[in-house]
């Protein structure tokens, strides 16, 4: 079946809870990971600081993948003509790709892809770049930014009673790394509401106390942030390019669906009660979903992203990275 390219979701490397997650990709789409992907894994001591920096990793990590870059990810339901390779398993309830490719071509038997559907992982099929070739076809139209806002679907911050959305936690983990770099180590002033819910507590932990020296604001198509030092901007869902605000403030990227939920939050419907209350009195129906705990960005993605930003070599930011790697130092929900 034909598939159209979109940006790689930031949650592609997320590990979330102990539950079965849905498909990473929407049916009919694919994304490409430009970074090396998959085993064999090389320990940090073996790669070394200079070797890791040459691969775009600027702070110590447990290990680095040495699989080829360019892996193509699709929804499991969009794959055809493959069979499972016996002898592969995962950590818990499914496959996690720990042993390398686990799908083979149905006709020739060559290993071509890795299916991942274990608990805590977004279900996906990762096609080996050497096993994939693009079949020429009509290129999809790249929608403009106004259409992204008008037709884009926002992801709700709370998707089920009591639980923050894993998409929001993933987006916040990646954005937090960029936000720290943009802060230059100084306190920042956040706008109220969901932006403060997403980043306020983490920044209180990671940045020194004091008066805010820089301001943060949402900016994007249909939303300006004059005078802001740091702008939270959307990433185009097809191209992966971040929106560039006028005036040149530092930008922090957010997936378009999460940015839309921040910039234009959906109002809960208010339906009149039929009887029992005075005329004109309304109530929420259905009641808005509420989380059971405070919001913390995804720790794994925060560390993954920060390690791949050259600014992490600055002493103040490297200190945060080293401390954040200790799960006993900071609140558990952050790490």
C-alpha atoms as a PDB file:
ATOM      1  CA  UNK A   1       0.000   0.000   0.000  1.00  0.00           C
ATOM      2  CA  UNK A   2       1.259   3.549  -0.678  1.00  0.00           C
ATOM      3  CA  UNK A   3       2.616   5.511   2.275  1.00  0.00           C
ATOM      4  CA  UNK A   4       3.537   9.188   2.632  1.00  0.00           C
ATOM      5  CA  UNK A   5       6.519  10.529   4.542  1.00  0.00           C
ATOM      6  CA  UNK A   6       6.020  12.498   7.759  1.00  0.00           C
ATOM      7  CA  UNK A   7       8.333  13.724  10.495  1.00  0.00           C
ATOM      8  CA  UNK A   8       9.695  11.123  12.903  1.00  0.00           C
ATOM      9  CA  UNK A   9       7.603  11.328  16.102  1.00  0.00           C
ATOM     10  CA  UNK A  10       9.574  12.445  19.160  1.00  0.00           C
ATOM     11  CA  UNK A  11       8.090   9.509  21.073  1.00  0.00           C
ATOM     12  CA  UNK A  12       9.791   6.985  18.762  1.00  0.00           C
ATOM     13  CA  UNK A  13      12.362   6.162  21.481  1.00  0.00           C
ATOM     14  CA  UNK A  14       9.985   6.470  24.412  1.00  0.00           C
ATOM     15  CA  UNK A  15       9.520   3.779  27.044  1.00  0.00           C
ATOM     16  CA  UNK A  16       6.256   4.410  28.844  1.00  0.00           C
ATOM     17  CA  UNK A  17       4.986   2.613  31.917  1.00  0.00           C
ATOM     18  CA  UNK A  18       4.067  -1.066  31.859  1.00  0.00           C
ATOM     19  CA  UNK A  19       1.273  -1.200  29.326  1.00  0.00           C
ATOM     20  CA  UNK A  20       0.593  -1.991  25.701  1.00  0.00           C
ATOM     21  CA  UNK A  21       0.821   1.180  23.621  1.00  0.00           C
ATOM     22  CA  UNK A  22      -0.830   1.769  20.231  1.00  0.00           C
ATOM     23  CA  UNK A  23       0.967   2.124  16.898  1.00  0.00           C
ATOM     24  CA  UNK A  24       3.669   4.767  16.646  1.00  0.00           C
ATOM     25  CA  UNK A  25       2.750   5.722  13.077  1.00  0.00           C
ATOM     26  CA  UNK A  26      -0.613   6.470  11.550  1.00  0.00           C
ATOM     27  CA  UNK A  27      -1.619   4.031   8.834  1.00  0.00           C
ATOM     28  CA  UNK A  28      -0.490   5.262   5.432  1.00  0.00           C
ATOM     29  CA  UNK A  29       2.564   7.141   6.735  1.00  0.00           C
ATOM     30  CA  UNK A  30       6.241   6.434   7.245  1.00  0.00           C
ATOM     31  CA  UNK A  31       9.188   8.241   8.816  1.00  0.00           C
ATOM     32  CA  UNK A  32      12.959   7.972   8.515  1.00  0.00           C
ATOM     33  CA  UNK A  33      15.401   7.987  11.424  1.00  0.00           C
ATOM     34  CA  UNK A  34      18.516   9.843  10.292  1.00  0.00           C
ATOM     35  CA  UNK A  35      20.540   8.600  13.272  1.00  0.00           C
ATOM     36  CA  UNK A  36      22.164   5.161  13.639  1.00  0.00           C
ATOM     37  CA  UNK A  37      19.610   2.646  14.836  1.00  0.00           C
ATOM     38  CA  UNK A  38      19.716  -0.816  16.330  1.00  0.00           C
ATOM     39  CA  UNK A  39      22.335  -3.353  17.444  1.00  0.00           C
ATOM     40  CA  UNK A  40      25.141  -4.108  17.866  1.00  0.00           C
ATOM     41  CA  UNK A  41      25.529  -1.714  20.780  1.00  0.00           C
ATOM     42  CA  UNK A  42      28.942  -0.285  21.669  1.00  0.00           C
ATOM     43  CA  UNK A  43      29.774   0.710  25.266  1.00  0.00           C
ATOM     44  CA  UNK A  44      30.750   4.335  25.876  1.00  0.00           C
ATOM     45  CA  UNK A  45      34.245   3.330  27.032  1.00  0.00           C
ATOM     46  CA  UNK A  46      34.803   1.563  23.734  1.00  0.00           C
ATOM     47  CA  UNK A  47      33.632   4.453  21.554  1.00  0.00           C
ATOM     48  CA  UNK A  48      35.351   7.206  23.520  1.00  0.00           C
ATOM     49  CA  UNK A  49      34.521  10.889  23.811  1.00  0.00           C
ATOM     50  CA  UNK A  50      35.968  11.915  20.445  1.00  0.00           C
ATOM     51  CA  UNK A  51      34.384   9.009  18.610  1.00  0.00           C
ATOM     52  CA  UNK A  52      30.999   9.721  20.173  1.00  0.00           C
ATOM     53  CA  UNK A  53      31.231  13.433  19.317  1.00  0.00           C
ATOM     54  CA  UNK A  54      31.907  12.497  15.698  1.00  0.00           C
ATOM     55  CA  UNK A  55      28.571  10.645  15.787  1.00  0.00           C
ATOM     56  CA  UNK A  56      26.742  13.575  17.364  1.00  0.00           C
ATOM     57  CA  UNK A  57      26.783  12.455  21.020  1.00  0.00           C
ATOM     58  CA  UNK A  58      28.463  14.966  23.346  1.00  0.00           C
ATOM     59  CA  UNK A  59      27.939  13.501  26.837  1.00  0.00           C
ATOM     60  CA  UNK A  60      28.448   9.996  28.216  1.00  0.00           C
ATOM     61  CA  UNK A  61      25.747   7.437  27.465  1.00  0.00           C
ATOM     62  CA  UNK A  62      25.591   3.780  28.401  1.00  0.00           C
ATOM     63  CA  UNK A  63      26.035   2.603  24.817  1.00  0.00           C
ATOM     64  CA  UNK A  64      25.690   3.753  21.224  1.00  0.00           C
ATOM     65  CA  UNK A  65      23.929   1.923  18.405  1.00  0.00           C
ATOM     66  CA  UNK A  66      26.058   0.905  15.467  1.00  0.00           C
ATOM     67  CA  UNK A  67      23.256  -0.036  13.114  1.00  0.00           C
ATOM     68  CA  UNK A  68      23.052   1.984   9.896  1.00  0.00           C
ATOM     69  CA  UNK A  69      21.207   5.319   9.817  1.00  0.00           C
ATOM     70  CA  UNK A  70      18.113   5.708   7.684  1.00  0.00           C
ATOM     71  CA  UNK A  71      15.828   3.105   9.244  1.00  0.00           C
ATOM     72  CA  UNK A  72      12.261   3.461   7.971  1.00  0.00           C
ATOM     73  CA  UNK A  73       9.401   3.063  10.438  1.00  0.00           C
ATOM     74  CA  UNK A  74       5.819   2.175   9.524  1.00  0.00           C
ATOM     75  CA  UNK A  75       2.717   1.017  11.338  1.00  0.00           C
ATOM     76  CA  UNK A  76       2.661  -2.779  11.827  1.00  0.00           C
ATOM     77  CA  UNK A  77      -0.551  -3.024   9.837  1.00  0.00           C
ATOM     78  CA  UNK A  78       1.067  -1.438   6.780  1.00  0.00           C
ATOM     79  CA  UNK A  79       3.746  -4.092   6.325  1.00  0.00           C
ATOM     80  CA  UNK A  80       3.255  -6.830   3.720  1.00  0.00           C
ATOM     81  CA  UNK A  81       5.135  -9.947   2.611  1.00  0.00           C
ATOM     82  CA  UNK A  82       7.082 -10.656   5.801  1.00  0.00           C
ATOM     83  CA  UNK A  83       7.174 -13.486   8.330  1.00  0.00           C
ATOM     84  CA  UNK A  84       8.459 -13.624  11.904  1.00  0.00           C
ATOM     85  CA  UNK A  85      11.900 -15.129  12.414  1.00  0.00           C
ATOM     86  CA  UNK A  86      11.729 -17.835  15.139  1.00  0.00           C
ATOM     87  CA  UNK A  87      13.716 -17.435  18.335  1.00  0.00           C
ATOM     88  CA  UNK A  88      13.200 -13.723  18.935  1.00  0.00           C
ATOM     89  CA  UNK A  89      11.418 -12.364  21.975  1.00  0.00           C
ATOM     90  CA  UNK A  90      11.242  -9.328  24.223  1.00  0.00           C
ATOM     91  CA  UNK A  91      11.362  -8.319  27.831  1.00  0.00           C
ATOM     92  CA  UNK A  92       7.741  -8.934  28.762  1.00  0.00           C
ATOM     93  CA  UNK A  93       4.672  -9.313  26.544  1.00  0.00           C
ATOM     94  CA  UNK A  94       5.982  -8.947  23.024  1.00  0.00           C
ATOM     95  CA  UNK A  95       8.975  -8.222  20.804  1.00  0.00           C
ATOM     96  CA  UNK A  96      11.469  -5.463  21.534  1.00  0.00           C
ATOM     97  CA  UNK A  97      14.159  -5.945  18.889  1.00  0.00           C
ATOM     98  CA  UNK A  98      16.931  -6.719  21.363  1.00  0.00           C
ATOM     99  CA  UNK A  99      18.273  -9.492  19.137  1.00  0.00           C
ATOM    100  CA  UNK A 100      18.169  -7.522  15.908  1.00  0.00           C
ATOM    101  CA  UNK A 101      15.838  -7.989  12.913  1.00  0.00           C
ATOM    102  CA  UNK A 102      12.948 -10.361  13.609  1.00  0.00           C
ATOM    103  CA  UNK A 103      11.026 -10.123  10.325  1.00  0.00           C
ATOM    104  CA  UNK A 104      12.142 -11.805   7.115  1.00  0.00           C
ATOM    105  CA  UNK A 105      11.054 -11.491   3.508  1.00  0.00           C
ATOM    106  CA  UNK A 106       8.357 -14.107   2.875  1.00  0.00           C
ATOM    107  CA  UNK A 107       9.850 -15.029  -0.518  1.00  0.00           C
ATOM    108  CA  UNK A 108      13.633 -15.039  -0.010  1.00  0.00           C
ATOM    109  CA  UNK A 109      13.968 -15.409   3.773  1.00  0.00           C
ATOM    110  CA  UNK A 110      16.303 -12.420   4.115  1.00  0.00           C
ATOM    111  CA  UNK A 111      16.000 -10.465   7.391  1.00  0.00           C
ATOM    112  CA  UNK A 112      14.498  -7.101   6.482  1.00  0.00           C
ATOM    113  CA  UNK A 113      12.868  -5.461   9.506  1.00  0.00           C
ATOM    114  CA  UNK A 114      12.356  -5.357  13.256  1.00  0.00           C
ATOM    115  CA  UNK A 115       8.906  -5.469  14.771  1.00  0.00           C
ATOM    116  CA  UNK A 116       8.544  -3.868  18.200  1.00  0.00           C
ATOM    117  CA  UNK A 117       5.355  -4.402  20.202  1.00  0.00           C
ATOM    118  CA  UNK A 118       6.473  -5.183  23.757  1.00  0.00           C
ATOM    119  CA  UNK A 119       4.878  -3.404  26.688  1.00  0.00           C
ATOM    120  CA  UNK A 120       6.103   0.189  27.246  1.00  0.00           C
ATOM    121  CA  UNK A 121       7.002   0.510  23.528  1.00  0.00           C
ATOM    122  CA  UNK A 122       5.036   2.140  20.729  1.00  0.00           C
ATOM    123  CA  UNK A 123       4.156  -0.581  18.242  1.00  0.00           C
ATOM    124  CA  UNK A 124       6.122  -0.209  15.027  1.00  0.00           C
ATOM    125  CA  UNK A 125       7.994  -2.005  12.273  1.00  0.00           C
ATOM    126  CA  UNK A 126      11.482  -0.657  11.574  1.00  0.00           C
ATOM    127  CA  UNK A 127      12.684  -1.528   8.075  1.00  0.00           C
ATOM    128  CA  UNK A 128      16.410  -1.990   7.555  1.00  0.00           C
ATOM    129  CA  UNK A 129      17.599   0.803   5.215  1.00  0.00           C
ATOM    130  CA  UNK A 130      19.464  -1.631   2.962  1.00  0.00           C
ATOM    131  CA  UNK A 131      16.251  -3.631   2.495  1.00  0.00           C
ATOM    132  CA  UNK A 132      14.107  -0.683   1.391  1.00  0.00           C
ATOM    133  CA  UNK A 133      13.873   1.182  -1.880  1.00  0.00           C
ATOM    134  CA  UNK A 134      11.518   3.974  -2.805  1.00  0.00           C
ATOM    135  CA  UNK A 135       9.024   3.265  -5.558  1.00  0.00           C
ATOM    136  CA  UNK A 136       8.449   6.424  -7.614  1.00  0.00           C
ATOM    137  CA  UNK A 137       5.033   7.944  -7.210  1.00  0.00           C
ATOM    138  CA  UNK A 138       3.247  11.239  -6.846  1.00  0.00           C
ATOM    139  CA  UNK A 139       4.628  13.310  -3.982  1.00  0.00           C
ATOM    140  CA  UNK A 140       2.026  14.437  -1.444  1.00  0.00           C
ATOM    141  CA  UNK A 141       1.363  18.149  -1.168  1.00  0.00           C
ATOM    142  CA  UNK A 142       3.108  19.765   1.769  1.00  0.00           C
ATOM    143  CA  UNK A 143       0.454  21.707   3.646  1.00  0.00           C
ATOM    144  CA  UNK A 144       1.157  25.285   4.677  1.00  0.00           C
ATOM    145  CA  UNK A 145       1.291  26.467   8.270  1.00  0.00           C
ATOM    146  CA  UNK A 146      -2.184  27.959   8.211  1.00  0.00           C
ATOM    147  CA  UNK A 147      -3.553  24.566   7.221  1.00  0.00           C
ATOM    148  CA  UNK A 148      -1.560  22.910  10.010  1.00  0.00           C
ATOM    149  CA  UNK A 149      -3.453  25.089  12.469  1.00  0.00           C
ATOM    150  CA  UNK A 150      -6.856  24.913  10.777  1.00  0.00           C
ATOM    151  CA  UNK A 151      -6.894  21.186  10.097  1.00  0.00           C
ATOM    152  CA  UNK A 152      -4.350  19.924  12.604  1.00  0.00           C
ATOM    153  CA  UNK A 153      -5.481  17.593  15.354  1.00  0.00           C
ATOM    154  CA  UNK A 154      -4.328  18.470  18.832  1.00  0.00           C
ATOM    155  CA  UNK A 155      -3.518  15.762  21.364  1.00  0.00           C
ATOM    156  CA  UNK A 156      -5.237  16.220  24.714  1.00  0.00           C
ATOM    157  CA  UNK A 157      -2.881  16.542  27.703  1.00  0.00           C
ATOM    158  CA  UNK A 158      -4.911  13.943  29.617  1.00  0.00           C
ATOM    159  CA  UNK A 159      -6.112  11.039  27.485  1.00  0.00           C
ATOM    160  CA  UNK A 160      -7.740   8.847  30.106  1.00  0.00           C
ATOM    161  CA  UNK A 161      -8.878   9.483  33.677  1.00  0.00           C
ATOM    162  CA  UNK A 162      -5.895   9.958  35.966  1.00  0.00           C
ATOM    163  CA  UNK A 163      -3.109   9.763  33.369  1.00  0.00           C
ATOM    164  CA  UNK A 164      -1.149  12.430  31.544  1.00  0.00           C
ATOM    165  CA  UNK A 165      -0.718  11.761  27.836  1.00  0.00           C
ATOM    166  CA  UNK A 166       2.521   9.895  27.029  1.00  0.00           C
ATOM    167  CA  UNK A 167       2.781  12.064  23.888  1.00  0.00           C
ATOM    168  CA  UNK A 168       2.891  15.156  26.070  1.00  0.00           C
ATOM    169  CA  UNK A 169       5.475  13.641  28.395  1.00  0.00           C
ATOM    170  CA  UNK A 170       7.643  12.699  25.400  1.00  0.00           C
ATOM    171  CA  UNK A 171       7.317  16.142  23.818  1.00  0.00           C
ATOM    172  CA  UNK A 172       8.147  17.823  27.121  1.00  0.00           C
ATOM    173  CA  UNK A 173      11.243  15.662  27.643  1.00  0.00           C
ATOM    174  CA  UNK A 174      12.699  16.675  24.277  1.00  0.00           C
ATOM    175  CA  UNK A 175      11.655  20.319  24.599  1.00  0.00           C
ATOM    176  CA  UNK A 176      13.046  20.599  28.135  1.00  0.00           C
ATOM    177  CA  UNK A 177      16.557  19.881  26.855  1.00  0.00           C
ATOM    178  CA  UNK A 178      16.263  22.648  24.255  1.00  0.00           C
ATOM    179  CA  UNK A 179      14.692  24.979  26.816  1.00  0.00           C
ATOM    180  CA  UNK A 180      17.627  24.544  29.184  1.00  0.00           C
ATOM    181  CA  UNK A 181      20.064  25.405  26.399  1.00  0.00           C
ATOM    182  CA  UNK A 182      18.034  28.494  25.500  1.00  0.00           C
ATOM    183  CA  UNK A 183      17.941  29.585  29.145  1.00  0.00           C
ATOM    184  CA  UNK A 184      21.759  29.814  29.289  1.00  0.00           C
ATOM    185  CA  UNK A 185      21.500  28.651  32.885  1.00  0.00           C
ATOM    186  CA  UNK A 186      19.295  31.526  34.076  1.00  0.00           C
ATOM    187  CA  UNK A 187      15.770  31.388  35.469  1.00  0.00           C
ATOM    188  CA  UNK A 188      12.996  31.832  32.938  1.00  0.00           C
ATOM    189  CA  UNK A 189       9.508  33.273  33.282  1.00  0.00           C
ATOM    190  CA  UNK A 190       6.862  30.904  31.929  1.00  0.00           C
ATOM    191  CA  UNK A 191       3.355  31.797  30.829  1.00  0.00           C
ATOM    192  CA  UNK A 192       0.657  30.352  33.031  1.00  0.00           C
ATOM    193  CA  UNK A 193      -1.517  27.324  32.428  1.00  0.00           C
ATOM    194  CA  UNK A 194      -0.343  24.160  30.731  1.00  0.00           C
ATOM    195  CA  UNK A 195       3.089  25.533  29.805  1.00  0.00           C
ATOM    196  CA  UNK A 196       3.889  25.971  33.487  1.00  0.00           C
ATOM    197  CA  UNK A 197       2.420  22.519  34.203  1.00  0.00           C
ATOM    198  CA  UNK A 198       4.763  21.024  31.592  1.00  0.00           C
ATOM    199  CA  UNK A 199       8.025  22.730  32.491  1.00  0.00           C
ATOM    200  CA  UNK A 200       7.676  24.677  35.732  1.00  0.00           C
ATOM    201  CA  UNK A 201       8.481  21.948  38.246  1.00  0.00           C
ATOM    202  CA  UNK A 202      11.340  20.521  36.206  1.00  0.00           C
ATOM    203  CA  UNK A 203      12.925  23.949  35.769  1.00  0.00           C
ATOM    204  CA  UNK A 204      12.539  24.611  39.493  1.00  0.00           C
ATOM    205  CA  UNK A 205      14.639  21.491  40.079  1.00  0.00           C
ATOM    206  CA  UNK A 206      17.226  21.999  37.347  1.00  0.00           C
ATOM    207  CA  UNK A 207      17.861  25.776  37.348  1.00  0.00           C
ATOM    208  CA  UNK A 208      19.226  27.863  40.232  1.00  0.00           C
ATOM    209  CA  UNK A 209      16.847  30.044  42.244  1.00  0.00           C
ATOM    210  CA  UNK A 210      16.527  33.742  41.544  1.00  0.00           C
ATOM    211  CA  UNK A 211      14.576  36.266  39.558  1.00  0.00           C
ATOM    212  CA  UNK A 212      13.685  35.270  35.973  1.00  0.00           C
ATOM    213  CA  UNK A 213      16.133  36.677  33.444  1.00  0.00           C
ATOM    214  CA  UNK A 214      14.394  35.481  30.277  1.00  0.00           C
ATOM    215  CA  UNK A 215      10.786  35.159  29.179  1.00  0.00           C
ATOM    216  CA  UNK A 216       9.173  32.208  27.443  1.00  0.00           C
ATOM    217  CA  UNK A 217       6.081  32.404  25.244  1.00  0.00           C
ATOM    218  CA  UNK A 218       4.175  30.338  22.724  1.00  0.00           C
ATOM    219  CA  UNK A 219       4.664  31.445  19.136  1.00  0.00           C
ATOM    220  CA  UNK A 220       3.546  30.084  15.809  1.00  0.00           C
ATOM    221  CA  UNK A 221       1.131  30.623  12.954  1.00  0.00           C
ATOM    222  CA  UNK A 222      -1.670  32.801  14.261  1.00  0.00           C
ATOM    223  CA  UNK A 223       0.115  33.415  17.552  1.00  0.00           C
ATOM    224  CA  UNK A 224       2.806  36.052  18.027  1.00  0.00           C
ATOM    225  CA  UNK A 225       5.065  36.517  21.032  1.00  0.00           C
ATOM    226  CA  UNK A 226       6.556  40.023  20.780  1.00  0.00           C
ATOM    227  CA  UNK A 227       9.373  40.650  23.189  1.00  0.00           C
ATOM    228  CA  UNK A 228       9.819  37.028  24.258  1.00  0.00           C
ATOM    229  CA  UNK A 229      13.372  35.781  24.631  1.00  0.00           C
ATOM    230  CA  UNK A 230      12.439  32.125  24.024  1.00  0.00           C
ATOM    231  CA  UNK A 231       9.606  30.899  21.811  1.00  0.00           C
ATOM    232  CA  UNK A 232       7.898  27.511  22.023  1.00  0.00           C
ATOM    233  CA  UNK A 233       7.153  26.777  18.369  1.00  0.00           C
ATOM    234  CA  UNK A 234       5.475  23.964  16.429  1.00  0.00           C
ATOM    235  CA  UNK A 235       7.275  21.452  14.229  1.00  0.00           C
ATOM    236  CA  UNK A 236       5.698  20.830  10.842  1.00  0.00           C
ATOM    237  CA  UNK A 237       4.115  17.354  10.941  1.00  0.00           C
ATOM    238  CA  UNK A 238       5.312  16.511   7.423  1.00  0.00           C
ATOM    239  CA  UNK A 239       8.703  18.179   7.004  1.00  0.00           C
ATOM    240  CA  UNK A 240       9.898  18.173  10.611  1.00  0.00           C
ATOM    241  CA  UNK A 241      10.968  21.828  10.283  1.00  0.00           C
ATOM    242  CA  UNK A 242      10.299  24.176  13.181  1.00  0.00           C
ATOM    243  CA  UNK A 243       8.312  27.357  12.653  1.00  0.00           C
ATOM    244  CA  UNK A 244      10.541  30.420  12.721  1.00  0.00           C
ATOM    245  CA  UNK A 245       9.159  33.470  14.547  1.00  0.00           C
ATOM    246  CA  UNK A 246      10.056  37.003  13.480  1.00  0.00           C
ATOM    247  CA  UNK A 247      12.542  38.869  15.607  1.00  0.00           C
ATOM    248  CA  UNK A 248      14.941  35.980  16.103  1.00  0.00           C
ATOM    249  CA  UNK A 249      14.201  34.680  19.622  1.00  0.00           C
ATOM    250  CA  UNK A 250      15.640  31.319  20.606  1.00  0.00           C
ATOM    251  CA  UNK A 251      13.223  28.564  19.623  1.00  0.00           C
ATOM    252  CA  UNK A 252      12.182  25.400  21.409  1.00  0.00           C
ATOM    253  CA  UNK A 253      10.461  22.819  19.154  1.00  0.00           C
ATOM    254  CA  UNK A 254       7.229  21.027  20.044  1.00  0.00           C
ATOM    255  CA  UNK A 255       5.257  18.486  17.987  1.00  0.00           C
ATOM    256  CA  UNK A 256       2.434  20.257  16.207  1.00  0.00           C
ATOM    257  CA  UNK A 257      -0.303  18.246  17.952  1.00  0.00           C
ATOM    258  CA  UNK A 258       1.050  19.147  21.405  1.00  0.00           C
ATOM    259  CA  UNK A 259       1.711  22.775  20.436  1.00  0.00           C
ATOM    260  CA  UNK A 260      -1.876  23.092  19.209  1.00  0.00           C
ATOM    261  CA  UNK A 261      -3.090  21.749  22.540  1.00  0.00           C
ATOM    262  CA  UNK A 262      -1.092  24.472  24.297  1.00  0.00           C
ATOM    263  CA  UNK A 263      -1.791  27.354  21.932  1.00  0.00           C
ATOM    264  CA  UNK A 264      -5.453  26.630  21.224  1.00  0.00           C
ATOM    265  CA  UNK A 265      -6.742  24.352  23.995  1.00  0.00           C
ATOM    266  CA  UNK A 266     -10.049  22.701  23.241  1.00  0.00           C
ATOM    267  CA  UNK A 267     -12.936  23.934  25.360  1.00  0.00           C
ATOM    268  CA  UNK A 268     -14.926  21.285  27.166  1.00  0.00           C
ATOM    269  CA  UNK A 269     -18.554  21.371  26.017  1.00  0.00           C
ATOM    270  CA  UNK A 270     -21.001  22.880  28.432  1.00  0.00           C
ATOM    271  CA  UNK A 271     -24.497  21.450  28.066  1.00  0.00           C
ATOM    272  CA  UNK A 272     -27.552  22.835  29.850  1.00  0.00           C
ATOM    273  CA  UNK A 273     -28.994  20.578  32.533  1.00  0.00           C
ATOM    274  CA  UNK A 274     -32.557  19.461  31.824  1.00  0.00           C
ATOM    275  CA  UNK A 275     -34.360  20.178  35.040  1.00  0.00           C
ATOM    276  CA  UNK A 276     -33.228  20.473  38.624  1.00  0.00           C
ATOM    277  CA  UNK A 277     -31.171  23.672  38.287  1.00  0.00           C
ATOM    278  CA  UNK A 278     -32.196  27.319  37.767  1.00  0.00           C
ATOM    279  CA  UNK A 279     -32.613  28.638  34.246  1.00  0.00           C
ATOM    280  CA  UNK A 280     -29.295  29.570  32.637  1.00  0.00           C
ATOM    281  CA  UNK A 281     -27.127  27.437  34.939  1.00  0.00           C
ATOM    282  CA  UNK A 282     -24.775  25.091  33.086  1.00  0.00           C
ATOM    283  CA  UNK A 283     -22.475  22.241  34.032  1.00  0.00           C
ATOM    284  CA  UNK A 284     -19.603  20.413  32.397  1.00  0.00           C
ATOM    285  CA  UNK A 285     -20.820  17.339  30.561  1.00  0.00           C
ATOM    286  CA  UNK A 286     -18.742  15.278  30.271  1.00  0.00           C
ATOM    287  CA  UNK A 287     -16.500  16.288  33.149  1.00  0.00           C
ATOM    288  CA  UNK A 288     -12.941  17.227  32.094  1.00  0.00           C
ATOM    289  CA  UNK A 289     -10.300  14.554  32.605  1.00  0.00           C
ATOM    290  CA  UNK A 290      -7.970  15.198  35.531  1.00  0.00           C
ATOM    291  CA  UNK A 291      -4.558  13.578  36.216  1.00  0.00           C
ATOM    292  CA  UNK A 292      -3.745  11.964  39.540  1.00  0.00           C
ATOM    293  CA  UNK A 293      -0.231  13.407  39.768  1.00  0.00           C
ATOM    294  CA  UNK A 294       1.791  16.423  38.725  1.00  0.00           C
ATOM    295  CA  UNK A 295       3.325  16.500  35.271  1.00  0.00           C
ATOM    296  CA  UNK A 296       6.970  15.544  34.719  1.00  0.00           C
ATOM    297  CA  UNK A 297       8.746  15.406  31.337  1.00  0.00           C
ATOM    298  CA  UNK A 298       9.988  12.068  30.059  1.00  0.00           C
ATOM    299  CA  UNK A 299      13.373  11.454  31.668  1.00  0.00           C
ATOM    300  CA  UNK A 300      14.795   9.112  29.033  1.00  0.00           C
ATOM    301  CA  UNK A 301      14.040  11.452  26.157  1.00  0.00           C
ATOM    302  CA  UNK A 302      15.305  14.449  28.116  1.00  0.00           C
ATOM    303  CA  UNK A 303      18.681  12.768  28.655  1.00  0.00           C
ATOM    304  CA  UNK A 304      18.778  11.364  25.113  1.00  0.00           C
ATOM    305  CA  UNK A 305      18.173  14.799  23.599  1.00  0.00           C
ATOM    306  CA  UNK A 306      20.483  16.714  25.925  1.00  0.00           C
ATOM    307  CA  UNK A 307      23.360  14.315  25.227  1.00  0.00           C
ATOM    308  CA  UNK A 308      23.042  15.134  21.519  1.00  0.00           C
ATOM    309  CA  UNK A 309      23.095  18.925  21.861  1.00  0.00           C
ATOM    310  CA  UNK A 310      26.640  20.361  21.604  1.00  0.00           C
ATOM    311  CA  UNK A 311      25.820  22.861  24.365  1.00  0.00           C
ATOM    312  CA  UNK A 312      25.850  20.011  26.915  1.00  0.00           C
ATOM    313  CA  UNK A 313      29.653  20.357  26.937  1.00  0.00           C
ATOM    314  CA  UNK A 314      29.275  23.646  28.832  1.00  0.00           C
ATOM    315  CA  UNK A 315      30.144  22.968  32.501  1.00  0.00           C
ATOM    316  CA  UNK A 316      26.832  24.177  33.973  1.00  0.00           C
ATOM    317  CA  UNK A 317      24.769  22.095  31.550  1.00  0.00           C
ATOM    318  CA  UNK A 318      27.028  19.056  31.816  1.00  0.00           C
ATOM    319  CA  UNK A 319      26.526  19.243  35.582  1.00  0.00           C
ATOM    320  CA  UNK A 320      22.754  19.107  35.096  1.00  0.00           C
ATOM    321  CA  UNK A 321      23.137  16.165  32.711  1.00  0.00           C
ATOM    322  CA  UNK A 322      25.302  14.225  35.139  1.00  0.00           C
ATOM    323  CA  UNK A 323      22.965  14.872  38.062  1.00  0.00           C
ATOM    324  CA  UNK A 324      19.862  14.083  36.043  1.00  0.00           C
ATOM    325  CA  UNK A 325      21.279  10.661  35.276  1.00  0.00           C
ATOM    326  CA  UNK A 326      20.937   9.769  38.947  1.00  0.00           C
ATOM    327  CA  UNK A 327      17.288   8.761  39.441  1.00  0.00           C
ATOM    328  CA  UNK A 328      17.655   9.165  43.215  1.00  0.00           C
ATOM    329  CA  UNK A 329      18.580  12.838  42.958  1.00  0.00           C
ATOM    330  CA  UNK A 330      15.405  14.202  41.402  1.00  0.00           C
ATOM    331  CA  UNK A 331      11.682  13.378  41.551  1.00  0.00           C
ATOM    332  CA  UNK A 332      10.842   9.960  40.137  1.00  0.00           C
ATOM    333  CA  UNK A 333       8.288  11.273  37.642  1.00  0.00           C
ATOM    334  CA  UNK A 334      10.996  13.388  35.997  1.00  0.00           C
ATOM    335  CA  UNK A 335      13.321  10.439  35.667  1.00  0.00           C
END
